[in-house]
Amino acid sequence: MDVFDAVRTVLAVRQFQEKPVPESAVRQIVEAGHLTASSMNGQPWHFIVVEDRETLRKLGSLAQTGPYIAQAPLAIVVGMEQSRFAVSDASRAIQSMILTAWANGVGSNWVGFEGLQQVNPVLGMPEEINILAIIPFGYPARGLGKGKKKRKPLGEVAHRGRWGQPFA
């Protein structure tokens, strides 16, 4: 799948098959985050790959918006060191991982947006590492309508040269 097709078709997945994600795909997903560009090459992120069923259940209970983490075969917890650009950099890494997973047929969804301090002790992470998100990954439980997204018309959100000038 080329990059634009991944962007065009990726959808949030909240129900997963019990089928494990192969180690080669997991490695590629993590490597995609690792290879993402960051401000001044600061790379303020830390990725914890969680595959233990009990830990996934615990993460699902701690993340208010993501109880479905408990059903995923794996999740990646994204932590950040203190940096002016950490949220932007880690967000870029998350998107790289989500798109790489999707290109491999693996679905995911962003869970949380900071405020996940209770995860640190569960994973043995230092207090100074701020958890940005938990990303569950797995094969979608049901077929998804690839490419069928509800989006505003491009002309409403894209401008050429200055505000109000149609892009199209």
Foldseek 3Di string as FASTA:
>chain_A
DDLVLLVLFADAFLAFDLDADDPVLVVVLQVLLVPADFVVSPSFKDKDKDQDLVLQCVVLVQFPQRVSSSSFRIKIWIWGADDPGGLVSNVRSNVSSQSSLVVVQKHKDWTAAWPRQVVCVVVVHDSNITTGTMIGIHHHPDDDPTSDDDDDPPQVPDAPPDPPHGPD
